[in-house]
Amino acid sequence: MRDQETALIALRAALTGHLVLSTLHTNDAAAAAARLMDMGAPPYLLASALIGIMAQRLVRKLCPMCAEVTPLTPAERAWLKPELDRGLDAGALKRGRGCPHCNFTGYKGRQGVFELLEIDATLAGLLNAGNTKLFYEAARRKLAGRTLHDEAVRLAAQGVTSVAEAMRAAHQSED
């Protein structure tokens, strides 16, 4: 959605029972409602029509042939400090060395990283009031532990992607 007319058509269609799936450029799921309001969508319409908002990013997957455990850089260590303090094993984090199988990139394929915000009665009430700041704060609390950042760190900890890729994907949501 790029303009008010499109947003209003989609919201009205959702109110009449249609399943509406659309894209919107925001940094995370919680910012989508504010973006729609900035485009001119009335708060009462958002509160009635939205049932969920999903943010997504793609991370490159480590090449299974050349992925190896490597020490964290100082920047990666600083970015992961809260998770390391909670017991994340830095010795299990990998990076792709590069090989003929991955065309010497260290990566082969992509994996989605997702953040799903379900609109409950509390969030709908905040939307209806038009208070984007309180909505954003409540949405971030509801997403605690399930943000793009958390999911990207989980994929790095599982060896699916590198910390550098997790940082890149999650940084877009932390701007």
N, C-alpha and C. Protein backbone atom coordinates (compact mmCIF):
# COMPACT_ATOMS: atom_id res chain seq x y z
N MET A 1 0.85 -1.18 0.00
CA MET A 1 0.00 0.00 0.00
C MET A 1 0.89 1.23 0.00
N ARG A 2 0.57 2.13 -0.90
CA ARG A 2 1.41 3.32 -1.02
C ARG A 2 0.63 4.62 -0.86
N ASP A 3 -0.70 4.54 -0.84
CA ASP A 3 -1.46 5.79 -0.74
C ASP A 3 -2.74 5.59 0.05
N GLN A 4 -3.37 6.69 0.40
CA GLN A 4 -4.57 6.67 1.22
C GLN A 4 -5.71 5.91 0.54
N GLU A 5 -5.90 6.12 -0.75
CA GLU A 5 -7.01 5.49 -1.46
C GLU A 5 -6.90 3.96 -1.39
N THR A 6 -5.71 3.43 -1.63
CA THR A 6 -5.50 1.99 -1.58
C THR A 6 -5.72 1.45 -0.17
N ALA A 7 -5.20 2.16 0.82
CA ALA A 7 -5.37 1.73 2.21
C ALA A 7 -6.84 1.68 2.60
N LEU A 8 -7.59 2.71 2.23
CA LEU A 8 -9.01 2.74 2.58
C LEU A 8 -9.80 1.64 1.88
N ILE A 9 -9.48 1.38 0.64
CA ILE A 9 -10.16 0.29 -0.09
C ILE A 9 -9.89 -1.04 0.60
N ALA A 10 -8.63 -1.28 0.97
CA ALA A 10 -8.26 -2.54 1.63
C ALA A 10 -8.94 -2.67 2.98
N LEU A 11 -8.97 -1.60 3.76
CA LEU A 11 -9.59 -1.66 5.09
C LEU A 11 -11.10 -1.88 4.98
N ARG A 12 -11.73 -1.23 4.04
CA ARG A 12 -13.18 -1.43 3.85
C ARG A 12 -13.48 -2.86 3.38
N ALA A 13 -12.64 -3.39 2.52
CA ALA A 13 -12.83 -4.77 2.07
C ALA A 13 -12.69 -5.74 3.25
N ALA A 14 -11.73 -5.47 4.12
CA ALA A 14 -11.53 -6.32 5.30
C ALA A 14 -12.76 -6.27 6.22
N LEU A 15 -13.35 -5.11 6.34
CA LEU A 15 -14.54 -4.97 7.19
C LEU A 15 -15.74 -5.72 6.64
N THR A 16 -15.78 -5.93 5.33
CA THR A 16 -16.92 -6.65 4.74
C THR A 16 -16.68 -8.15 4.69
N GLY A 17 -15.59 -8.61 5.31
CA GLY A 17 -15.37 -10.05 5.40
C GLY A 17 -14.33 -10.62 4.46
N HIS A 18 -13.75 -9.81 3.63
CA HIS A 18 -12.71 -10.30 2.73
C HIS A 18 -11.39 -10.45 3.47
N LEU A 19 -10.63 -11.46 3.11
CA LEU A 19 -9.28 -11.62 3.65
C LEU A 19 -8.37 -10.76 2.78
N VAL A 20 -7.77 -9.76 3.38
CA VAL A 20 -6.91 -8.84 2.65
C VAL A 20 -5.47 -9.03 3.12
N LEU A 21 -4.61 -9.35 2.19
CA LEU A 21 -3.18 -9.45 2.46
C LEU A 21 -2.50 -8.40 1.61
N SER A 22 -1.65 -7.62 2.21
CA SER A 22 -1.00 -6.55 1.48
C SER A 22 0.39 -6.32 2.04
N THR A 23 1.20 -5.61 1.29
CA THR A 23 2.53 -5.24 1.77
C THR A 23 2.53 -3.76 2.13
N LEU A 24 3.43 -3.43 3.03
CA LEU A 24 3.57 -2.06 3.51
C LEU A 24 5.01 -1.90 3.96
N HIS A 25 5.64 -0.81 3.64
CA HIS A 25 7.04 -0.60 4.01
C HIS A 25 7.14 0.02 5.40
N THR A 26 7.55 -0.81 6.37
CA THR A 26 7.83 -0.35 7.73
C THR A 26 9.02 -1.13 8.26
N ASN A 27 9.57 -0.68 9.38
CA ASN A 27 10.73 -1.37 9.96
C ASN A 27 10.34 -2.62 10.75
N ASP A 28 9.13 -2.64 11.30
CA ASP A 28 8.68 -3.79 12.07
C ASP A 28 7.16 -3.83 12.08
N ALA A 29 6.61 -4.88 12.67
CA ALA A 29 5.16 -5.06 12.67
C ALA A 29 4.46 -3.96 13.45
N ALA A 30 5.02 -3.56 14.57
CA ALA A 30 4.38 -2.56 15.43
C ALA A 30 4.25 -1.20 14.74
N ALA A 31 5.12 -0.90 13.80
CA ALA A 31 5.10 0.41 13.13
C ALA A 31 4.08 0.48 12.00
N ALA A 32 3.48 -0.64 11.62
CA ALA A 32 2.57 -0.66 10.48
C ALA A 32 1.31 0.18 10.72
N ALA A 33 0.77 0.13 11.93
CA ALA A 33 -0.45 0.90 12.20
C ALA A 33 -0.18 2.40 12.10
N ALA A 34 0.94 2.84 12.64
CA ALA A 34 1.28 4.26 12.55
C ALA A 34 1.47 4.67 11.08
N ARG A 35 2.06 3.80 10.31
CA ARG A 35 2.28 4.09 8.88
C ARG A 35 0.94 4.25 8.16
N LEU A 36 -0.01 3.36 8.48
CA LEU A 36 -1.34 3.46 7.87
C LEU A 36 -2.05 4.74 8.30
N MET A 37 -1.91 5.12 9.56
CA MET A 37 -2.50 6.38 10.02
C MET A 37 -1.85 7.57 9.33
N ASP A 38 -0.54 7.51 9.14
CA ASP A 38 0.16 8.58 8.42
C ASP A 38 -0.35 8.71 6.99
N MET A 39 -0.80 7.60 6.43
CA MET A 39 -1.32 7.61 5.07
C MET A 39 -2.77 8.10 5.03
N GLY A 40 -3.37 8.34 6.20
CA GLY A 40 -4.72 8.88 6.25
C GLY A 40 -5.81 7.89 6.61
N ALA A 41 -5.44 6.69 7.02
CA ALA A 41 -6.45 5.72 7.44
C ALA A 41 -6.99 6.11 8.82
N PRO A 42 -8.30 6.18 8.98
CA PRO A 42 -8.85 6.56 10.28
C PRO A 42 -8.57 5.48 11.34
N PRO A 43 -8.24 5.89 12.55
CA PRO A 43 -7.93 4.92 13.61
C PRO A 43 -9.05 3.91 13.87
N TYR A 44 -10.31 4.37 13.85
CA TYR A 44 -11.42 3.45 14.12
C TYR A 44 -11.48 2.33 13.07
N LEU A 45 -11.13 2.67 11.83
CA LEU A 45 -11.15 1.69 10.75
C LEU A 45 -10.04 0.66 10.94
N LEU A 46 -8.86 1.12 11.35
CA LEU A 46 -7.75 0.20 11.63
C LEU A 46 -8.11 -0.73 12.78
N ALA A 47 -8.68 -0.17 13.84
CA ALA A 47 -9.02 -0.97 15.02
C ALA A 47 -10.02 -2.07 14.67
N SER A 48 -10.91 -1.79 13.75
CA SER A 48 -11.93 -2.76 13.37
C SER A 48 -11.44 -3.78 12.34
N ALA A 49 -10.53 -3.37 11.47
CA ALA A 49 -10.16 -4.22 10.33
C ALA A 49 -8.92 -5.07 10.54
N LEU A 50 -7.95 -4.58 11.29
CA LEU A 50 -6.69 -5.34 11.44
C LEU A 50 -6.84 -6.50 12.41
N ILE A 51 -6.36 -7.67 12.01
CA ILE A 51 -6.33 -8.81 12.92
C ILE A 51 -4.89 -9.28 13.18
N GLY A 52 -4.00 -8.94 12.27
CA GLY A 52 -2.61 -9.32 12.45
C GLY A 52 -1.71 -8.57 11.50
N ILE A 53 -0.46 -8.39 11.94
CA ILE A 53 0.54 -7.72 11.11
C ILE A 53 1.82 -8.56 11.19
N MET A 54 2.37 -8.89 10.04
CA MET A 54 3.60 -9.67 10.01
C MET A 54 4.71 -8.87 9.36
N ALA A 55 5.85 -8.83 10.04
CA ALA A 55 7.06 -8.24 9.46
C ALA A 55 7.95 -9.40 9.04
N GLN A 56 8.70 -9.20 7.98
CA GLN A 56 9.56 -10.28 7.50
C GLN A 56 10.85 -9.74 6.92
N ARG A 57 11.88 -10.55 7.01
CA ARG A 57 13.18 -10.28 6.40
C ARG A 57 13.71 -11.61 5.87
N LEU A 58 14.66 -11.54 4.98
CA LEU A 58 15.36 -12.73 4.52
C LEU A 58 16.80 -12.67 5.00
N VAL A 59 17.31 -13.80 5.46
CA VAL A 59 18.73 -13.92 5.79
C VAL A 59 19.32 -15.00 4.89
N ARG A 60 20.58 -14.84 4.56
CA ARG A 60 21.26 -15.87 3.79
C ARG A 60 21.60 -17.03 4.72
N LYS A 61 21.41 -18.25 4.24
CA LYS A 61 21.73 -19.44 5.02
C LYS A 61 23.20 -19.82 4.79
N LEU A 62 23.83 -20.28 5.86
CA LEU A 62 25.22 -20.72 5.75
C LEU A 62 25.33 -21.94 4.85
N CYS A 63 26.40 -22.00 4.10
CA CYS A 63 26.67 -23.15 3.25
C CYS A 63 26.97 -24.34 4.15
N PRO A 64 26.28 -25.46 3.98
CA PRO A 64 26.52 -26.62 4.84
C PRO A 64 27.89 -27.26 4.62
N MET A 65 28.51 -26.98 3.49
CA MET A 65 29.80 -27.59 3.18
C MET A 65 30.98 -26.86 3.83
N CYS A 66 30.84 -25.56 4.07
CA CYS A 66 32.00 -24.81 4.57
C CYS A 66 31.73 -24.01 5.83
N ALA A 67 30.55 -24.15 6.43
CA ALA A 67 30.26 -23.43 7.67
C ALA A 67 31.15 -23.96 8.77
N GLU A 68 31.72 -23.03 9.54
CA GLU A 68 32.61 -23.43 10.63
C GLU A 68 32.47 -22.46 11.79
N VAL A 69 32.74 -22.97 12.97
CA VAL A 69 32.71 -22.15 14.17
C VAL A 69 33.88 -21.18 14.11
N THR A 70 33.58 -19.91 14.33
CA THR A 70 34.63 -18.89 14.32
C THR A 70 34.39 -17.93 15.48
N PRO A 71 35.44 -17.30 15.97
CA PRO A 71 35.24 -16.35 17.07
C PRO A 71 34.44 -15.13 16.63
N LEU A 72 33.74 -14.54 17.57
CA LEU A 72 32.95 -13.35 17.28
C LEU A 72 33.86 -12.13 17.13
N THR A 73 33.46 -11.24 16.24
CA THR A 73 34.16 -9.96 16.14
C THR A 73 33.72 -9.10 17.32
N PRO A 74 34.44 -8.05 17.64
CA PRO A 74 34.00 -7.17 18.74
C PRO A 74 32.60 -6.59 18.51
N ALA A 75 32.27 -6.23 17.28
CA ALA A 75 30.94 -5.69 16.98
C ALA A 75 29.86 -6.75 17.21
N GLU A 76 30.13 -7.98 16.78
CA GLU A 76 29.16 -9.06 16.99
C GLU A 76 28.99 -9.35 18.47
N ARG A 77 30.09 -9.36 19.20
CA ARG A 77 30.03 -9.61 20.65
C ARG A 77 29.21 -8.52 21.34
N ALA A 78 29.41 -7.27 20.95
CA ALA A 78 28.65 -6.17 21.55
C ALA A 78 27.16 -6.29 21.22
N TRP A 79 26.84 -6.65 19.97
CA TRP A 79 25.45 -6.79 19.55
C TRP A 79 24.75 -7.93 20.28
N LEU A 80 25.50 -9.00 20.55
CA LEU A 80 24.94 -10.18 21.20
C LEU A 80 25.06 -10.14 22.73
N LYS A 81 25.58 -9.07 23.30
CA LYS A 81 25.84 -9.03 24.74
C LYS A 81 24.65 -9.48 25.60
N PRO A 82 23.43 -8.98 25.36
CA PRO A 82 22.31 -9.44 26.20
C PRO A 82 22.09 -10.96 26.11
N GLU A 83 22.20 -11.52 24.92
CA GLU A 83 22.00 -12.96 24.75
C GLU A 83 23.16 -13.75 25.35
N LEU A 84 24.37 -13.25 25.22
CA LEU A 84 25.53 -13.92 25.82
C LEU A 84 25.42 -13.90 27.34
N ASP A 85 24.92 -12.80 27.89
CA ASP A 85 24.72 -12.70 29.35
C ASP A 85 23.66 -13.69 29.83
N ARG A 86 22.71 -14.05 28.95
CA ARG A 86 21.66 -15.02 29.30
C ARG A 86 22.06 -16.45 28.98
N GLY A 87 23.30 -16.67 28.52
CA GLY A 87 23.77 -18.04 28.34
C GLY A 87 23.93 -18.50 26.91
N LEU A 88 23.80 -17.64 25.93
CA LEU A 88 24.03 -18.05 24.55
C LEU A 88 25.47 -18.51 24.41
N ASP A 89 25.67 -19.67 23.80
CA ASP A 89 27.01 -20.24 23.63
C ASP A 89 27.68 -19.64 22.41
N ALA A 90 28.62 -18.73 22.64
CA ALA A 90 29.33 -18.07 21.53
C ALA A 90 30.18 -19.07 20.76
N GLY A 91 30.53 -20.18 21.38
CA GLY A 91 31.35 -21.18 20.72
C GLY A 91 30.61 -21.99 19.67
N ALA A 92 29.31 -21.82 19.58
CA ALA A 92 28.52 -22.58 18.60
C ALA A 92 28.15 -21.73 17.38
N LEU A 93 28.52 -20.48 17.39
CA LEU A 93 28.15 -19.58 16.29
C LEU A 93 29.10 -19.78 15.11
N LYS A 94 28.52 -19.80 13.92
CA LYS A 94 29.30 -20.16 12.73
C LYS A 94 29.35 -19.03 11.70
N ARG A 95 30.27 -19.21 10.78
CA ARG A 95 30.44 -18.31 9.64
C ARG A 95 30.83 -19.19 8.46
N GLY A 96 30.43 -18.81 7.27
CA GLY A 96 30.81 -19.57 6.08
C GLY A 96 32.20 -19.17 5.60
N ARG A 97 33.05 -20.14 5.38
CA ARG A 97 34.42 -19.90 4.93
C ARG A 97 34.45 -19.58 3.44
N GLY A 98 33.58 -20.23 2.68
CA GLY A 98 33.56 -20.10 1.23
C GLY A 98 34.16 -21.33 0.59
N CYS A 99 33.48 -21.88 -0.40
CA CYS A 99 33.94 -23.09 -1.08
C CYS A 99 33.33 -23.12 -2.47
N PRO A 100 33.73 -24.07 -3.31
CA PRO A 100 33.13 -24.14 -4.65
C PRO A 100 31.61 -24.39 -4.63
N HIS A 101 31.14 -25.11 -3.59
CA HIS A 101 29.72 -25.42 -3.49
C HIS A 101 28.86 -24.15 -3.39
N CYS A 102 29.38 -23.11 -2.72
CA CYS A 102 28.61 -21.86 -2.51
C CYS A 102 29.19 -20.70 -3.32
N ASN A 103 30.03 -21.03 -4.29
CA ASN A 103 30.66 -20.01 -5.12
C ASN A 103 31.52 -19.05 -4.28
N PHE A 104 32.11 -19.60 -3.24
CA PHE A 104 33.03 -18.89 -2.35
C PHE A 104 32.39 -17.71 -1.62
N THR A 105 31.08 -17.81 -1.37
CA THR A 105 30.39 -16.75 -0.62
C THR A 105 30.21 -17.11 0.85
N GLY A 106 30.17 -18.42 1.14
CA GLY A 106 29.88 -18.86 2.51
C GLY A 106 28.40 -19.05 2.76
N TYR A 107 27.58 -18.74 1.77
CA TYR A 107 26.13 -18.84 1.92
C TYR A 107 25.52 -19.62 0.78
N LYS A 108 24.43 -20.34 1.08
CA LYS A 108 23.71 -21.11 0.07
C LYS A 108 22.23 -21.12 0.44
N GLY A 109 21.44 -20.34 -0.26
CA GLY A 109 20.00 -20.28 0.02
C GLY A 109 19.64 -19.16 0.98
N ARG A 110 18.33 -19.06 1.22
CA ARG A 110 17.81 -18.01 2.11
C ARG A 110 16.76 -18.59 3.05
N GLN A 111 16.56 -17.89 4.14
CA GLN A 111 15.60 -18.31 5.17
C GLN A 111 14.83 -17.07 5.63
N GLY A 112 13.54 -17.22 5.82
CA GLY A 112 12.73 -16.10 6.31
C GLY A 112 12.87 -15.91 7.81
N VAL A 113 12.80 -14.66 8.22
CA VAL A 113 12.76 -14.28 9.64
C VAL A 113 11.46 -13.49 9.79
N PHE A 114 10.62 -13.88 10.75
CA PHE A 114 9.29 -13.31 10.84
C PHE A 114 8.98 -12.79 12.23
N GLU A 115 8.05 -11.82 12.26
CA GLU A 115 7.54 -11.25 13.51
C GLU A 115 6.04 -11.07 13.30
N LEU A 116 5.23 -11.74 14.11
CA LEU A 116 3.78 -11.67 13.95
C LEU A 116 3.14 -10.98 15.15
N LEU A 117 2.44 -9.91 14.87
CA LEU A 117 1.71 -9.17 15.90
C LEU A 117 0.23 -9.41 15.70
N GLU A 118 -0.39 -10.09 16.66
CA GLU A 118 -1.83 -10.32 16.61
C GLU A 118 -2.51 -9.18 17.35
N ILE A 119 -3.51 -8.59 16.72
CA ILE A 119 -4.21 -7.45 17.31
C ILE A 119 -5.28 -7.98 18.27
N ASP A 120 -5.08 -7.73 19.56
CA ASP A 120 -6.05 -8.14 20.57
C ASP A 120 -6.90 -6.93 20.96
N ALA A 121 -7.79 -7.11 21.93
CA ALA A 121 -8.71 -6.03 22.33
C ALA A 121 -7.95 -4.81 22.86
N THR A 122 -6.88 -5.04 23.60
CA THR A 122 -6.09 -3.92 24.14
C THR A 122 -5.46 -3.11 23.02
N LEU A 123 -4.82 -3.80 22.08
CA LEU A 123 -4.19 -3.09 20.97
C LEU A 123 -5.24 -2.40 20.09
N ALA A 124 -6.39 -3.05 19.88
CA ALA A 124 -7.45 -2.44 19.08
C ALA A 124 -7.96 -1.17 19.77
N GLY A 125 -8.07 -1.20 21.09
CA GLY A 125 -8.51 -0.01 21.83
C GLY A 125 -7.53 1.14 21.68
N LEU A 126 -6.23 0.83 21.73
CA LEU A 126 -5.21 1.87 21.55
C LEU A 126 -5.24 2.41 20.12
N LEU A 127 -5.49 1.53 19.16
CA LEU A 127 -5.62 1.99 17.77
C LEU A 127 -6.83 2.91 17.63
N ASN A 128 -7.94 2.49 18.19
CA ASN A 128 -9.18 3.27 18.09
C ASN A 128 -9.00 4.66 18.68
N ALA A 129 -8.21 4.76 19.75
CA ALA A 129 -7.94 6.06 20.37
C ALA A 129 -6.98 6.90 19.53
N GLY A 130 -6.33 6.27 18.57
CA GLY A 130 -5.42 6.99 17.68
C GLY A 130 -4.08 7.31 18.31
N ASN A 131 -3.74 6.65 19.41
CA ASN A 131 -2.49 6.93 20.10
C ASN A 131 -1.40 5.97 19.59
N THR A 132 -0.68 6.40 18.57
CA THR A 132 0.31 5.52 17.95
C THR A 132 1.48 5.21 18.88
N LYS A 133 1.85 6.16 19.72
CA LYS A 133 2.97 5.93 20.64
C LYS A 133 2.64 4.83 21.64
N LEU A 134 1.46 4.92 22.28
CA LEU A 134 1.05 3.88 23.23
C LEU A 134 0.83 2.55 22.53
N PHE A 135 0.28 2.59 21.31
CA PHE A 135 0.10 1.35 20.55
C PHE A 135 1.45 0.69 20.29
N TYR A 136 2.41 1.47 19.84
CA TYR A 136 3.74 0.92 19.52
C TYR A 136 4.37 0.30 20.78
N GLU A 137 4.30 1.00 21.90
CA GLU A 137 4.89 0.48 23.14
C GLU A 137 4.20 -0.82 23.58
N ALA A 138 2.87 -0.86 23.52
CA ALA A 138 2.13 -2.07 23.89
C ALA A 138 2.42 -3.22 22.93
N ALA A 139 2.53 -2.91 21.65
CA ALA A 139 2.83 -3.94 20.66
C ALA A 139 4.22 -4.52 20.89
N ARG A 140 5.21 -3.68 21.18
CA ARG A 140 6.58 -4.17 21.44
C ARG A 140 6.59 -5.06 22.69
N ARG A 141 5.81 -4.69 23.71
CA ARG A 141 5.73 -5.55 24.91
C ARG A 141 5.10 -6.90 24.56
N LYS A 142 4.06 -6.88 23.75
CA LYS A 142 3.39 -8.12 23.35
C LYS A 142 4.32 -9.01 22.52
N LEU A 143 5.19 -8.39 21.73
CA LEU A 143 6.12 -9.16 20.89
C LEU A 143 7.37 -9.62 21.64
N ALA A 144 7.52 -9.23 22.88
CA ALA A 144 8.74 -9.55 23.64
C ALA A 144 9.12 -11.02 23.47
N GLY A 145 10.36 -11.23 23.02
CA GLY A 145 10.86 -12.59 22.81
C GLY A 145 10.54 -13.17 21.44
N ARG A 146 9.74 -12.45 20.65
CA ARG A 146 9.35 -12.94 19.32
C ARG A 146 9.55 -11.88 18.25
N THR A 147 10.52 -11.00 18.44
CA THR A 147 10.77 -9.94 17.47
C THR A 147 11.68 -10.44 16.36
N LEU A 148 11.85 -9.61 15.33
CA LEU A 148 12.79 -9.95 14.26
C LEU A 148 14.19 -10.17 14.83
N HIS A 149 14.56 -9.34 15.78
CA HIS A 149 15.87 -9.48 16.42
C HIS A 149 16.00 -10.86 17.09
N ASP A 150 15.01 -11.22 17.88
CA ASP A 150 15.04 -12.50 18.60
C ASP A 150 15.09 -13.68 17.65
N GLU A 151 14.32 -13.61 16.57
CA GLU A 151 14.29 -14.71 15.61
C GLU A 151 15.60 -14.80 14.83
N ALA A 152 16.20 -13.66 14.50
CA ALA A 152 17.48 -13.67 13.80
C ALA A 152 18.57 -14.26 14.69
N VAL A 153 18.58 -13.91 15.97
CA VAL A 153 19.56 -14.47 16.91
C VAL A 153 19.35 -15.97 17.03
N ARG A 154 18.09 -16.41 17.09
CA ARG A 154 17.80 -17.84 17.20
C ARG A 154 18.36 -18.60 15.99
N LEU A 155 18.20 -18.05 14.80
CA LEU A 155 18.73 -18.71 13.60
C LEU A 155 20.26 -18.76 13.62
N ALA A 156 20.89 -17.72 14.12
CA ALA A 156 22.35 -17.72 14.24
C ALA A 156 22.79 -18.77 15.27
N ALA A 157 22.09 -18.84 16.39
CA ALA A 157 22.43 -19.81 17.44
C ALA A 157 22.25 -21.24 16.95
N GLN A 158 21.31 -21.47 16.04
CA GLN A 158 21.08 -22.81 15.49
C GLN A 158 22.04 -23.14 14.36
N GLY A 159 22.86 -22.19 13.96
CA GLY A 159 23.81 -22.43 12.89
C GLY A 159 23.21 -22.32 11.49
N VAL A 160 22.02 -21.75 11.39
CA VAL A 160 21.37 -21.59 10.10
C VAL A 160 21.99 -20.43 9.33
N THR A 161 22.33 -19.37 10.06
CA THR A 161 22.91 -18.18 9.44
C THR A 161 24.04 -17.65 10.32
N SER A 162 24.74 -16.69 9.82
CA SER A 162 25.84 -16.09 10.58
C SER A 162 25.33 -14.95 11.45
N VAL A 163 26.12 -14.56 12.42
CA VAL A 163 25.76 -13.43 13.26
C VAL A 163 25.71 -12.16 12.41
N ALA A 164 26.61 -12.02 11.46
CA ALA A 164 26.60 -10.84 10.59
C ALA A 164 25.28 -10.72 9.83
N GLU A 165 24.76 -11.82 9.33
CA GLU A 165 23.48 -11.82 8.63
C GLU A 165 22.34 -11.51 9.59
N ALA A 166 22.39 -12.08 10.79
CA ALA A 166 21.36 -11.80 11.79
C ALA A 166 21.37 -10.31 12.14
N MET A 167 22.55 -9.74 12.27
CA MET A 167 22.66 -8.31 12.57
C MET A 167 22.07 -7.48 11.44
N ARG A 168 22.36 -7.84 10.22
CA ARG A 168 21.85 -7.10 9.07
C ARG A 168 20.33 -7.12 9.04
N ALA A 169 19.75 -8.29 9.22
CA ALA A 169 18.29 -8.43 9.17
C ALA A 169 17.62 -7.72 10.34
N ALA A 170 18.16 -7.89 11.53
CA ALA A 170 17.54 -7.29 12.71
C ALA A 170 17.80 -5.78 12.78
N HIS A 171 18.90 -5.32 12.23
CA HIS A 171 19.21 -3.90 12.29
C HIS A 171 18.18 -3.07 11.55
N GLN A 172 17.61 -3.62 10.49
CA GLN A 172 16.58 -2.90 9.75
C GLN A 172 15.38 -2.60 10.63
N SER A 173 15.11 -3.49 11.59
CA SER A 173 13.96 -3.27 12.48
C SER A 173 14.32 -2.41 13.66
N GLU A 174 15.60 -2.14 13.89
CA GLU A 174 16.01 -1.36 15.05
C GLU A 174 16.39 0.06 14.68
N ASP A 175 16.27 0.42 13.40
CA ASP A 175 16.63 1.77 12.95
C ASP A 175 15.76 2.82 13.63
